[in-house]
N, C-alpha and C. Protein backbone atom coordinates (compact mmCIF):
# COMPACT_ATOMS: atom_id res chain seq x y z
N MET A 1 -40.25 9.54 15.02
CA MET A 1 -40.24 10.89 14.04
C MET A 1 -39.68 10.91 12.58
N ARG A 2 -40.77 10.67 11.84
CA ARG A 2 -40.55 11.03 10.66
C ARG A 2 -39.70 12.43 9.74
N MET A 3 -38.59 12.07 8.98
CA MET A 3 -37.89 13.41 8.51
C MET A 3 -38.53 14.34 7.63
N ARG A 4 -38.36 15.24 7.76
CA ARG A 4 -39.34 16.51 6.78
C ARG A 4 -38.76 16.03 5.25
N ASN A 5 -39.99 16.36 4.73
CA ASN A 5 -39.54 16.00 3.13
C ASN A 5 -38.20 16.87 2.48
N LYS A 6 -37.22 17.00 1.72
CA LYS A 6 -36.11 17.35 1.35
C LYS A 6 -36.42 17.35 0.01
N PRO A 7 -36.92 18.68 -0.64
CA PRO A 7 -37.15 18.69 -2.31
C PRO A 7 -35.73 18.48 -2.71
N TRP A 8 -34.68 18.22 -2.12
CA TRP A 8 -33.59 17.81 -3.19
C TRP A 8 -33.17 16.42 -3.46
N ALA A 9 -33.75 15.46 -2.44
CA ALA A 9 -32.96 14.30 -2.01
C ALA A 9 -33.51 13.63 -3.39
N SER A 10 -34.59 13.46 -4.06
CA SER A 10 -34.73 12.77 -5.60
C SER A 10 -33.38 12.67 -6.57
N ASP A 11 -33.10 14.05 -6.80
CA ASP A 11 -32.15 14.67 -7.64
C ASP A 11 -30.99 14.17 -6.81
N PHE A 12 -30.54 14.44 -5.89
CA PHE A 12 -29.57 14.09 -5.22
C PHE A 12 -29.29 12.59 -5.49
N LEU A 13 -30.34 11.80 -4.91
CA LEU A 13 -29.84 10.24 -5.18
C LEU A 13 -29.57 9.69 -6.67
N LEU A 14 -30.53 10.21 -7.75
CA LEU A 14 -30.22 9.75 -8.73
C LEU A 14 -28.46 10.43 -9.28
N ALA A 15 -27.96 11.18 -8.35
CA ALA A 15 -27.16 11.46 -9.26
C ALA A 15 -25.56 10.43 -8.29
N HIS A 16 -26.29 9.95 -7.14
CA HIS A 16 -25.25 9.69 -6.21
C HIS A 16 -24.40 8.63 -6.92
N PRO A 17 -23.49 7.98 -6.96
CA PRO A 17 -23.02 6.72 -7.41
C PRO A 17 -22.99 5.65 -6.48
N LYS A 18 -23.50 5.61 -5.31
CA LYS A 18 -23.85 4.70 -4.13
C LYS A 18 -25.36 4.28 -4.41
N TYR A 19 -25.92 5.15 -4.68
CA TYR A 19 -27.56 4.78 -5.33
C TYR A 19 -27.93 3.91 -6.42
N VAL A 20 -28.82 2.53 -6.12
CA VAL A 20 -29.03 1.94 -7.21
C VAL A 20 -30.31 2.07 -7.33
N GLN A 21 -30.74 2.56 -8.31
CA GLN A 21 -32.21 2.79 -8.61
C GLN A 21 -32.77 1.67 -9.08
N ASP A 22 -32.61 1.07 -9.81
CA ASP A 22 -33.07 -0.43 -10.02
C ASP A 22 -32.56 -1.71 -9.45
N PRO A 23 -32.57 -2.00 -8.51
CA PRO A 23 -31.89 -2.99 -7.70
C PRO A 23 -31.96 -4.35 -8.17
N SER A 24 -33.25 -4.63 -9.39
CA SER A 24 -33.57 -5.63 -9.84
C SER A 24 -32.34 -6.31 -11.36
N VAL A 25 -31.65 -4.96 -11.87
CA VAL A 25 -30.75 -5.39 -12.71
C VAL A 25 -29.93 -6.28 -12.12
N TYR A 26 -29.78 -6.42 -10.98
CA TYR A 26 -28.19 -6.73 -10.16
C TYR A 26 -28.76 -8.49 -9.76
N LYS A 27 -30.30 -8.91 -10.24
CA LYS A 27 -30.83 -10.17 -9.33
C LYS A 27 -29.97 -11.59 -10.06
N GLY A 28 -29.02 -11.92 -9.00
CA GLY A 28 -28.39 -13.04 -9.26
C GLY A 28 -27.11 -12.67 -9.90
N LYS A 29 -26.72 -11.60 -10.03
CA LYS A 29 -25.64 -11.09 -10.59
C LYS A 29 -24.85 -10.06 -9.12
N TRP A 30 -24.90 -9.90 -8.39
CA TRP A 30 -24.45 -9.31 -7.39
C TRP A 30 -23.17 -9.24 -7.02
N LYS A 31 -22.47 -10.56 -6.74
CA LYS A 31 -21.12 -10.62 -6.59
C LYS A 31 -20.58 -10.61 -7.64
N THR A 32 -21.04 -10.99 -8.94
CA THR A 32 -20.03 -10.89 -10.24
C THR A 32 -20.06 -9.66 -10.46
N HIS A 33 -21.17 -8.89 -10.35
CA HIS A 33 -21.11 -7.39 -11.13
C HIS A 33 -19.88 -6.66 -10.15
N PHE A 34 -20.73 -6.87 -8.77
CA PHE A 34 -19.61 -6.13 -8.42
C PHE A 34 -18.16 -6.52 -7.68
N GLY A 35 -17.96 -7.86 -8.26
CA GLY A 35 -16.58 -8.24 -7.56
C GLY A 35 -16.22 -8.52 -6.18
N TYR A 36 -17.51 -9.32 -5.31
CA TYR A 36 -16.92 -9.78 -4.04
C TYR A 36 -17.44 -10.83 -3.77
N GLU A 37 -17.35 -11.95 -2.98
CA GLU A 37 -17.45 -13.06 -2.56
C GLU A 37 -18.76 -13.15 -1.73
N HIS A 38 -19.04 -12.19 -1.08
CA HIS A 38 -19.76 -12.14 -0.02
C HIS A 38 -20.37 -10.98 -0.22
N VAL A 39 -22.11 -11.24 0.13
CA VAL A 39 -22.68 -9.98 -0.07
C VAL A 39 -23.75 -9.76 0.89
N VAL A 40 -23.96 -8.63 2.21
CA VAL A 40 -24.30 -8.70 3.07
C VAL A 40 -25.47 -7.54 2.86
N LEU A 41 -27.00 -7.87 3.65
CA LEU A 41 -28.00 -6.68 3.33
C LEU A 41 -28.28 -6.09 4.79
N GLU A 42 -28.57 -4.88 4.87
CA GLU A 42 -29.11 -4.36 6.04
C GLU A 42 -30.32 -3.71 6.00
N ILE A 43 -31.23 -3.99 6.52
CA ILE A 43 -32.82 -3.91 6.31
C ILE A 43 -32.94 -2.80 7.27
N GLY A 44 -33.45 -1.54 6.68
CA GLY A 44 -34.13 -0.47 7.36
C GLY A 44 -32.19 0.69 7.82
N SER A 45 -31.91 0.93 6.82
CA SER A 45 -30.52 1.41 7.19
C SER A 45 -30.46 2.54 7.97
N GLY A 46 -31.75 3.46 7.84
CA GLY A 46 -31.76 4.85 8.43
C GLY A 46 -30.55 6.07 8.21
N LYS A 47 -30.16 6.37 8.62
CA LYS A 47 -28.93 7.43 8.36
C LYS A 47 -27.52 6.60 7.88
N GLY A 48 -27.62 5.34 8.05
CA GLY A 48 -26.39 4.86 7.51
C GLY A 48 -25.19 4.27 8.23
N ASP A 49 -25.25 5.26 9.10
CA ASP A 49 -23.83 4.80 9.93
C ASP A 49 -23.41 3.38 10.45
N TYR A 50 -24.27 2.37 10.88
CA TYR A 50 -24.10 0.90 10.98
C TYR A 50 -23.11 0.56 9.54
N TRP A 51 -24.33 1.00 8.39
CA TRP A 51 -23.77 0.48 7.03
C TRP A 51 -22.17 1.00 6.73
N ARG A 52 -22.04 2.20 6.84
CA ARG A 52 -20.58 2.73 6.64
C ARG A 52 -19.78 1.92 7.41
N SER A 53 -20.13 2.05 8.53
CA SER A 53 -18.87 1.45 9.59
C SER A 53 -18.87 0.34 9.33
N MET A 54 -19.49 -0.95 9.21
CA MET A 54 -19.25 -1.85 8.59
C MET A 54 -18.44 -2.43 7.95
N ALA A 55 -18.91 -1.60 6.56
CA ALA A 55 -18.38 -1.57 5.13
C ALA A 55 -16.88 -1.67 5.64
N ARG A 56 -16.72 -0.76 6.37
CA ARG A 56 -15.11 0.06 6.33
C ARG A 56 -14.29 -1.25 6.89
N MET A 57 -15.00 -1.51 8.12
CA MET A 57 -14.00 -2.63 8.99
C MET A 57 -14.26 -4.23 7.71
N ASN A 58 -15.08 -4.17 6.83
CA ASN A 58 -15.23 -5.48 6.37
C ASN A 58 -14.97 -5.23 4.75
N PRO A 59 -13.59 -4.41 4.42
CA PRO A 59 -13.48 -4.18 2.84
C PRO A 59 -14.00 -5.16 1.83
N ASN A 60 -13.62 -6.19 2.43
CA ASN A 60 -13.93 -7.36 1.37
C ASN A 60 -15.12 -8.20 1.31
N VAL A 61 -15.96 -7.58 1.53
CA VAL A 61 -17.74 -7.79 1.76
C VAL A 61 -18.36 -6.53 0.90
N LEU A 62 -19.18 -7.40 0.03
CA LEU A 62 -20.00 -5.79 -0.58
C LEU A 62 -21.65 -5.67 0.37
N TRP A 63 -21.43 -4.57 0.87
CA TRP A 63 -22.41 -4.45 1.80
C TRP A 63 -23.85 -3.31 1.16
N ILE A 64 -24.95 -4.39 1.27
CA ILE A 64 -25.82 -3.44 0.48
C ILE A 64 -27.17 -2.65 1.64
N ALA A 65 -27.60 -1.58 1.82
CA ALA A 65 -28.14 -1.06 2.34
C ALA A 65 -29.19 -1.08 1.73
N LEU A 66 -30.55 -1.08 2.81
CA LEU A 66 -31.68 -0.84 2.26
C LEU A 66 -32.72 -0.20 3.43
N GLU A 67 -32.90 1.02 2.65
CA GLU A 67 -33.83 2.00 3.48
C GLU A 67 -35.24 2.24 2.32
N LYS A 68 -36.29 2.57 3.35
CA LYS A 68 -37.29 2.93 2.65
C LYS A 68 -37.67 4.42 2.36
N ASP A 69 -37.22 5.15 3.06
CA ASP A 69 -37.09 6.82 3.06
C ASP A 69 -36.65 7.33 2.41
N LYS A 70 -37.31 8.19 1.13
CA LYS A 70 -36.20 8.72 0.71
C LYS A 70 -35.56 9.63 1.43
N ASN A 71 -35.93 10.65 2.32
CA ASN A 71 -35.54 11.97 2.44
C ASN A 71 -34.04 11.09 3.61
N VAL A 72 -34.63 9.87 4.44
CA VAL A 72 -33.19 9.48 5.42
C VAL A 72 -32.12 9.48 4.20
N SER A 73 -32.47 8.62 3.75
CA SER A 73 -31.55 7.78 2.53
C SER A 73 -30.58 9.28 1.90
N ALA A 74 -31.44 10.34 1.53
CA ALA A 74 -30.26 11.27 1.00
C ALA A 74 -29.95 11.72 2.28
N VAL A 75 -29.73 11.70 3.06
CA VAL A 75 -29.02 12.25 4.47
C VAL A 75 -28.28 11.32 4.42
N ALA A 76 -28.41 10.03 4.55
CA ALA A 76 -27.21 9.25 4.84
C ALA A 76 -25.93 9.31 3.43
N LEU A 77 -26.83 9.20 2.52
CA LEU A 77 -25.47 9.22 1.24
C LEU A 77 -24.65 10.59 0.95
N LYS A 78 -25.44 11.63 1.80
CA LYS A 78 -24.69 12.92 1.97
C LYS A 78 -23.31 12.76 2.51
N LYS A 79 -23.26 11.55 3.33
CA LYS A 79 -22.30 11.33 4.20
C LYS A 79 -20.91 10.73 3.45
N THR A 80 -21.68 10.16 2.65
CA THR A 80 -21.00 9.01 1.84
C THR A 80 -20.45 9.48 0.32
N GLU A 81 -19.18 8.88 -0.12
CA GLU A 81 -18.83 9.22 -1.20
C GLU A 81 -17.60 8.19 -1.55
N ASP A 82 -16.95 8.08 -0.72
CA ASP A 82 -15.66 6.90 -1.02
C ASP A 82 -15.44 5.93 -0.62
N LEU A 83 -16.98 5.19 -0.44
CA LEU A 83 -17.06 3.86 0.08
C LEU A 83 -17.07 2.90 -0.76
N GLU A 84 -16.01 2.12 -1.24
CA GLU A 84 -15.81 1.39 -2.37
C GLU A 84 -17.19 0.13 -2.29
N ASN A 85 -17.02 -0.42 -1.12
CA ASN A 85 -18.22 -1.55 -0.72
C ASN A 85 -18.95 -1.21 -0.47
N GLY A 86 -20.20 -0.26 -0.27
CA GLY A 86 -21.52 -0.19 -0.36
C GLY A 86 -22.25 0.32 -1.36
N VAL A 87 -23.64 -0.30 -1.24
CA VAL A 87 -24.27 0.75 -2.26
C VAL A 87 -25.70 0.82 -1.62
N TRP A 88 -26.48 1.45 -1.98
CA TRP A 88 -27.76 1.77 -1.47
C TRP A 88 -29.31 2.08 -2.08
N ILE A 89 -30.09 0.99 -1.81
CA ILE A 89 -31.35 0.93 -2.10
C ILE A 89 -32.23 1.53 -1.19
N VAL A 90 -33.12 2.90 -2.09
CA VAL A 90 -34.51 2.87 -1.70
C VAL A 90 -35.52 2.40 -2.03
N ASN A 91 -35.97 1.81 -1.10
CA ASN A 91 -37.45 0.75 -1.72
C ASN A 91 -37.95 0.13 -0.37
N ASP A 92 -38.99 -0.92 -0.47
CA ASP A 92 -39.73 -1.33 0.96
C ASP A 92 -39.01 -2.96 0.71
N ALA A 93 -38.93 -3.58 2.00
CA ALA A 93 -38.21 -4.78 1.84
C ALA A 93 -39.29 -5.65 1.32
N ALA A 94 -40.77 -5.41 0.78
CA ALA A 94 -41.59 -6.59 0.32
C ALA A 94 -40.98 -6.63 -0.79
N ASN A 95 -40.60 -5.98 -1.36
CA ASN A 95 -39.77 -6.07 -3.00
C ASN A 95 -39.01 -7.04 -2.81
N LEU A 96 -37.67 -7.36 -1.86
CA LEU A 96 -36.89 -8.17 -1.63
C LEU A 96 -36.63 -9.24 -2.87
N THR A 97 -37.64 -10.08 -2.91
CA THR A 97 -37.67 -11.14 -3.92
C THR A 97 -37.10 -10.92 -5.52
N ASP A 98 -37.79 -9.02 -5.66
CA ASP A 98 -37.59 -8.81 -6.90
C ASP A 98 -35.88 -8.53 -7.41
N TRP A 99 -35.14 -8.44 -6.34
CA TRP A 99 -33.64 -7.71 -6.26
C TRP A 99 -32.72 -9.08 -5.95
N PHE A 100 -33.18 -10.39 -5.72
CA PHE A 100 -31.86 -11.53 -5.24
C PHE A 100 -32.87 -12.68 -5.46
N GLU A 101 -31.63 -13.46 -5.71
CA GLU A 101 -32.02 -14.68 -5.97
C GLU A 101 -31.91 -15.75 -4.91
N ALA A 102 -32.60 -17.03 -4.94
CA ALA A 102 -32.54 -17.63 -3.65
C ALA A 102 -30.73 -17.97 -3.25
N GLY A 103 -30.73 -17.84 -1.94
CA GLY A 103 -29.10 -18.09 -1.21
C GLY A 103 -28.45 -17.08 -1.90
N GLU A 104 -28.89 -15.40 -2.34
CA GLU A 104 -27.86 -14.91 -3.11
C GLU A 104 -27.33 -14.06 -1.97
N LEU A 105 -28.08 -14.30 -0.32
CA LEU A 105 -27.54 -13.27 0.83
C LEU A 105 -26.38 -14.16 1.78
N ASP A 106 -25.36 -13.53 1.98
CA ASP A 106 -24.17 -14.28 3.17
C ASP A 106 -24.78 -13.94 4.61
N THR A 107 -25.21 -12.99 4.66
CA THR A 107 -26.00 -12.58 5.89
C THR A 107 -26.49 -11.21 5.77
N ILE A 108 -27.78 -10.92 6.81
CA ILE A 108 -28.81 -10.46 6.91
C ILE A 108 -28.62 -9.34 8.16
N HIS A 109 -29.02 -8.42 8.37
CA HIS A 109 -28.86 -7.51 9.16
C HIS A 109 -30.20 -6.93 9.63
N LEU A 110 -30.73 -6.91 10.85
CA LEU A 110 -32.10 -6.30 11.42
C LEU A 110 -31.65 -5.73 12.34
N ASN A 111 -31.57 -4.29 12.18
CA ASN A 111 -31.25 -3.37 13.31
C ASN A 111 -32.25 -2.29 13.59
N PHE A 112 -32.86 -2.77 14.67
CA PHE A 112 -33.75 -1.62 15.41
C PHE A 112 -35.16 -1.69 14.68
N SER A 113 -35.73 -2.74 14.24
CA SER A 113 -36.70 -2.33 12.79
C SER A 113 -37.88 -2.03 13.76
N ASP A 114 -39.01 -1.79 13.15
CA ASP A 114 -40.13 -1.13 13.77
C ASP A 114 -40.96 -2.40 14.14
N PRO A 115 -41.32 -1.98 15.50
CA PRO A 115 -41.57 -3.28 16.47
C PRO A 115 -43.35 -3.31 16.17
N TRP A 116 -43.93 -2.66 15.09
CA TRP A 116 -45.45 -2.32 15.21
C TRP A 116 -46.10 -3.19 16.41
N PRO A 117 -46.12 -2.35 17.35
CA PRO A 117 -46.58 -3.40 18.90
C PRO A 117 -48.16 -3.67 18.97
N LYS A 118 -48.79 -2.74 17.72
CA LYS A 118 -50.19 -3.43 17.82
C LYS A 118 -50.44 -4.77 17.01
N LYS A 119 -51.23 -5.72 17.79
CA LYS A 119 -51.63 -7.30 17.85
C LYS A 119 -51.93 -6.96 16.20
N GLY A 120 -52.50 -6.71 15.65
CA GLY A 120 -53.42 -6.27 13.90
C GLY A 120 -51.92 -5.54 13.34
N HIS A 121 -51.11 -5.47 13.75
CA HIS A 121 -49.98 -5.16 12.99
C HIS A 121 -48.83 -6.09 13.02
N ALA A 122 -48.92 -7.34 13.42
CA ALA A 122 -47.79 -8.10 13.51
C ALA A 122 -47.44 -8.72 11.96
N LYS A 123 -48.28 -8.70 11.42
CA LYS A 123 -47.83 -9.25 10.00
C LYS A 123 -46.87 -8.78 9.34
N ARG A 124 -46.55 -6.79 10.19
CA ARG A 124 -45.69 -5.98 9.36
C ARG A 124 -44.08 -6.22 9.79
N ARG A 125 -44.15 -6.83 11.07
CA ARG A 125 -43.00 -7.12 11.69
C ARG A 125 -41.61 -7.50 10.76
N LEU A 126 -40.93 -7.29 10.54
CA LEU A 126 -39.65 -7.99 9.82
C LEU A 126 -39.60 -9.22 9.85
N THR A 127 -39.88 -9.55 11.29
CA THR A 127 -39.71 -11.00 11.80
C THR A 127 -40.77 -12.10 11.86
N SER A 128 -41.88 -11.29 11.42
CA SER A 128 -42.92 -12.21 11.12
C SER A 128 -43.10 -13.26 10.25
N GLU A 129 -43.86 -14.08 10.11
CA GLU A 129 -44.03 -15.35 8.87
C GLU A 129 -44.15 -14.58 7.47
N THR A 130 -44.64 -13.56 7.22
CA THR A 130 -45.03 -12.87 6.46
C THR A 130 -43.24 -12.56 5.85
N TYR A 131 -42.87 -11.89 6.43
CA TYR A 131 -41.28 -12.03 5.76
C TYR A 131 -40.15 -12.81 6.21
N THR A 132 -40.43 -13.46 7.23
CA THR A 132 -39.74 -14.76 7.48
C THR A 132 -39.19 -15.66 6.31
N THR A 133 -40.48 -15.95 5.76
CA THR A 133 -40.20 -16.69 4.37
C THR A 133 -39.10 -16.44 3.61
N THR A 134 -39.38 -14.91 3.16
CA THR A 134 -38.65 -14.12 2.28
C THR A 134 -37.38 -14.28 2.68
N LEU A 135 -36.86 -13.94 3.79
CA LEU A 135 -35.28 -13.74 4.21
C LEU A 135 -35.18 -15.22 4.25
N LEU A 136 -35.56 -16.10 4.90
CA LEU A 136 -34.82 -17.64 4.83
C LEU A 136 -34.55 -18.13 3.18
N ARG A 137 -35.50 -17.51 2.42
CA ARG A 137 -35.34 -17.75 0.75
C ARG A 137 -33.85 -17.37 0.19
N LEU A 138 -33.84 -16.26 0.60
CA LEU A 138 -32.60 -15.30 0.18
C LEU A 138 -31.47 -15.35 0.46
N LEU A 139 -31.55 -16.23 1.55
CA LEU A 139 -30.14 -16.23 2.56
C LEU A 139 -29.69 -17.51 2.42
N LYS A 140 -28.42 -18.09 2.15
CA LYS A 140 -27.96 -18.65 1.53
C LYS A 140 -27.71 -19.88 2.83
N GLN A 141 -27.41 -20.95 2.09
CA GLN A 141 -27.41 -22.26 3.36
C GLN A 141 -26.05 -21.77 4.01
N GLY A 142 -26.25 -22.04 5.35
CA GLY A 142 -25.38 -21.67 6.46
C GLY A 142 -24.88 -19.96 6.85
N GLY A 143 -25.89 -19.64 6.01
CA GLY A 143 -25.63 -17.66 5.94
C GLY A 143 -26.35 -17.74 7.78
N GLN A 144 -25.83 -16.40 7.83
CA GLN A 144 -26.83 -15.69 9.18
C GLN A 144 -27.55 -14.35 9.14
N ILE A 145 -28.92 -14.43 10.15
CA ILE A 145 -29.37 -13.48 10.51
C ILE A 145 -29.09 -12.97 11.44
N LYS A 146 -28.65 -11.44 11.52
CA LYS A 146 -28.15 -10.54 13.09
C LYS A 146 -29.26 -9.86 13.08
N PHE A 147 -29.76 -9.96 14.29
CA PHE A 147 -31.26 -9.14 14.92
C PHE A 147 -30.79 -8.25 16.05
N LYS A 148 -30.83 -6.82 16.40
CA LYS A 148 -30.75 -5.97 17.16
C LYS A 148 -32.24 -5.09 17.37
N THR A 149 -32.41 -5.07 18.90
CA THR A 149 -33.59 -4.24 19.22
C THR A 149 -33.39 -3.78 20.09
N ASP A 150 -33.77 -2.74 20.80
CA ASP A 150 -34.42 -1.91 22.11
C ASP A 150 -35.41 -2.51 22.58
N ASN A 151 -36.34 -3.22 21.71
CA ASN A 151 -37.79 -3.27 22.52
C ASN A 151 -38.01 -5.14 22.52
N LYS A 152 -37.99 -5.15 24.01
CA LYS A 152 -38.20 -6.44 24.80
C LYS A 152 -39.52 -7.37 24.36
N LEU A 153 -40.49 -6.52 23.91
CA LEU A 153 -41.68 -7.34 23.36
C LEU A 153 -41.46 -7.99 21.78
N LEU A 154 -40.31 -7.17 21.03
CA LEU A 154 -40.29 -7.72 19.80
C LEU A 154 -39.33 -9.01 19.63
N PHE A 155 -37.79 -8.82 20.50
CA PHE A 155 -37.33 -9.69 21.00
C PHE A 155 -37.55 -10.96 20.97
N GLU A 156 -38.64 -10.72 22.17
CA GLU A 156 -39.45 -12.16 22.62
C GLU A 156 -40.45 -12.67 21.47
N TYR A 157 -40.79 -11.71 21.01
CA TYR A 157 -41.78 -12.00 19.34
C TYR A 157 -41.04 -13.20 18.92
N THR A 158 -39.94 -12.23 18.42
CA THR A 158 -38.55 -13.52 16.78
C THR A 158 -38.08 -13.94 17.58
N ILE A 159 -38.00 -14.67 19.09
CA ILE A 159 -37.23 -15.31 19.66
C ILE A 159 -38.01 -16.56 19.16
N LEU A 160 -39.41 -16.63 19.93
CA LEU A 160 -40.47 -17.45 19.57
C LEU A 160 -41.07 -18.05 18.41
N GLN A 161 -40.70 -16.64 17.28
CA GLN A 161 -41.15 -17.11 15.97
C GLN A 161 -40.50 -17.60 15.42
N TRP A 162 -39.18 -17.83 15.67
CA TRP A 162 -37.89 -18.70 15.08
C TRP A 162 -37.49 -19.78 15.47
N ASP A 163 -38.28 -20.22 16.52
CA ASP A 163 -38.07 -21.19 17.32
C ASP A 163 -38.22 -22.56 16.70
N SER A 164 -39.16 -22.71 15.50
CA SER A 164 -39.24 -23.98 15.09
C SER A 164 -39.63 -23.87 13.45
N ILE A 165 -38.26 -22.91 13.14
CA ILE A 165 -38.40 -23.17 11.66
C ILE A 165 -36.76 -23.55 11.40
N ALA A 166 -35.91 -23.30 9.98
CA ALA A 166 -34.94 -23.75 10.06
C ALA A 166 -33.44 -22.69 10.15
N LEU A 167 -33.70 -22.14 11.49
CA LEU A 167 -32.59 -21.51 11.79
C LEU A 167 -32.12 -21.91 13.29
N LYS A 168 -30.58 -22.08 13.38
CA LYS A 168 -30.01 -22.65 14.76
C LYS A 168 -29.76 -21.07 15.37
N MET A 169 -30.09 -20.78 16.53
CA MET A 169 -29.61 -19.87 17.26
C MET A 169 -28.39 -20.05 17.99
N GLU A 170 -27.45 -18.90 17.65
CA GLU A 170 -25.73 -19.07 17.77
C GLU A 170 -25.33 -17.98 19.11
N GLU A 171 -26.36 -17.20 19.07
CA GLU A 171 -25.49 -15.81 20.04
C GLU A 171 -27.36 -15.45 20.25
N PHE A 172 -27.37 -14.88 22.05
CA PHE A 172 -28.21 -14.61 22.32
C PHE A 172 -27.74 -14.04 23.43
N SER A 173 -28.40 -12.53 23.29
CA SER A 173 -27.73 -11.49 24.86
C SER A 173 -29.13 -10.47 24.96
N VAL A 174 -29.68 -10.31 26.51
CA VAL A 174 -30.35 -9.29 26.73
C VAL A 174 -29.72 -8.56 27.57
N ASP A 175 -28.68 -8.10 26.80
CA ASP A 175 -28.10 -6.74 27.43
C ASP A 175 -26.50 -6.77 26.51
N PHE A 176 -26.64 -6.32 25.43
CA PHE A 176 -25.40 -6.95 24.57
C PHE A 176 -24.10 -6.02 24.74
N ARG A 177 -24.80 -4.63 25.20
CA ARG A 177 -23.71 -3.43 25.30
C ARG A 177 -22.99 -3.67 26.41
N ARG A 178 -23.50 -4.91 27.48
CA ARG A 178 -22.73 -4.66 28.72
C ARG A 178 -21.22 -4.97 28.39
N ASP A 179 -20.54 -5.59 27.22
CA ASP A 179 -19.69 -5.92 26.98
C ASP A 179 -19.30 -5.54 25.44
N GLU A 180 -17.73 -5.47 25.73
CA GLU A 180 -17.35 -3.91 24.16
C GLU A 180 -17.17 -5.36 23.39
N HIS A 181 -18.07 -4.86 22.11
CA HIS A 181 -17.92 -5.69 20.85
C HIS A 181 -17.40 -5.00 19.83
N SER A 182 -16.72 -4.38 19.78
CA SER A 182 -15.84 -3.78 18.33
C SER A 182 -15.66 -4.11 17.23
N GLU A 183 -16.40 -5.62 16.93
CA GLU A 183 -16.56 -6.32 15.53
C GLU A 183 -17.90 -5.50 15.03
N ASP A 184 -18.82 -5.23 15.97
CA ASP A 184 -19.96 -4.73 15.42
C ASP A 184 -20.40 -3.28 15.86
N ALA A 185 -20.53 -2.53 14.86
CA ALA A 185 -20.67 -1.02 14.77
C ALA A 185 -21.96 -0.74 15.67
N ILE A 186 -21.71 0.61 16.13
CA ILE A 186 -23.28 1.12 17.06
C ILE A 186 -24.16 1.85 16.03
N THR A 187 -25.07 1.57 15.71
CA THR A 187 -26.24 2.46 14.88
C THR A 187 -26.60 3.73 15.65
N GLU A 188 -27.13 4.72 15.06
CA GLU A 188 -27.68 5.86 15.49
C GLU A 188 -28.49 5.39 16.55
N TYR A 189 -29.49 4.88 16.28
CA TYR A 189 -30.48 4.74 17.29
C TYR A 189 -30.00 3.85 18.40
N GLU A 190 -29.21 2.87 18.38
CA GLU A 190 -28.33 2.27 19.28
C GLU A 190 -28.00 3.16 20.59
N GLN A 191 -27.10 4.05 19.63
CA GLN A 191 -26.33 5.05 20.64
C GLN A 191 -27.27 6.11 21.24
N HIS A 192 -28.46 6.29 20.63
CA HIS A 192 -29.79 7.11 21.59
C HIS A 192 -29.95 6.04 22.49
N PHE A 193 -30.05 4.70 22.24
CA PHE A 193 -30.90 3.99 23.29
C PHE A 193 -29.83 3.89 24.55
N MET A 194 -28.55 3.35 24.62
CA MET A 194 -27.75 3.30 25.40
C MET A 194 -27.43 5.02 25.92
N ASP A 195 -27.45 5.90 25.79
CA ASP A 195 -27.38 7.05 26.33
C ASP A 195 -28.67 7.45 27.36
N LEU A 196 -29.37 6.46 26.63
CA LEU A 196 -30.81 6.68 27.86
C LEU A 196 -30.91 5.41 28.80
N GLY A 197 -29.82 4.67 28.97
CA GLY A 197 -29.14 3.79 29.91
C GLY A 197 -30.66 2.48 29.36
N GLN A 198 -30.79 2.23 28.19
CA GLN A 198 -31.48 1.13 27.74
C GLN A 198 -30.87 -0.23 27.49
N VAL A 199 -30.95 -1.10 27.44
CA VAL A 199 -30.29 -2.57 27.48
C VAL A 199 -30.43 -2.60 25.65
N ILE A 200 -29.67 -3.47 25.44
CA ILE A 200 -30.03 -3.56 23.85
C ILE A 200 -29.94 -5.44 23.65
N TYR A 201 -31.08 -5.82 22.84
CA TYR A 201 -31.20 -7.00 22.78
C TYR A 201 -30.59 -7.57 21.70
N ARG A 202 -29.82 -8.75 21.63
CA ARG A 202 -29.43 -9.32 20.20
C ARG A 202 -29.02 -10.51 20.07
N ALA A 203 -29.68 -11.33 18.82
CA ALA A 203 -29.57 -12.88 18.36
C ALA A 203 -28.89 -13.21 17.40
N VAL A 204 -28.16 -13.95 17.08
CA VAL A 204 -28.16 -14.51 15.98
C VAL A 204 -28.14 -15.76 15.62
N TRP A 205 -28.75 -15.98 14.19
CA TRP A 205 -29.40 -17.29 13.72
C TRP A 205 -28.79 -17.63 12.78
N ARG A 206 -28.34 -19.03 12.36
CA ARG A 206 -27.78 -19.48 11.17
C ARG A 206 -28.84 -20.46 10.35
N LYS A 207 -28.51 -20.24 9.31
CA LYS A 207 -29.72 -21.26 8.19
C LYS A 207 -29.02 -22.19 8.34
N VAL A 208 -30.12 -23.76 8.42
CA VAL A 208 -29.50 -25.22 8.88
C VAL A 208 -30.21 -25.65 7.92
């Protein structure tokens, strides 16, 4: 469900210290400018719960949140002031190559991405060939892509899509939260699905 327009969102974002208005300025410079050896990107950060939690759990890593909805982004950043190692981009994943050099990302998180269930919309999925080429290019050699979803069809689609590319699967689970995983924060969507008794699918790949 789309969040209602918040008239204050644009001005609020521009004034927020964690908002990156023009990420292209840092292309090839994310590590040197912000002073971190590792850079992690979460695509589709929603209200930012996962981003905030993971950044606090991993203070030596720069966590970059990407969310295309400015209203959701404003709500997320309203809860974020003191996060040293996190920044926020409001834009579309289609523009990733404008902001990052090849091999600049250590890890990419895809959490509960839009499944785009209609066959004609398949190319819009973040794990489709359309986006996969870009993700692989921006990910460093040996870097990881971590994928979580509640959608079985998207999970199966992704497993098949990535079976024949330069990624080695390292983890695979069709009920990820059956066991405790304190190293991985729970997103707001994830908690909702868990409360409904739905399983969480997760897989991790490494670029080889």
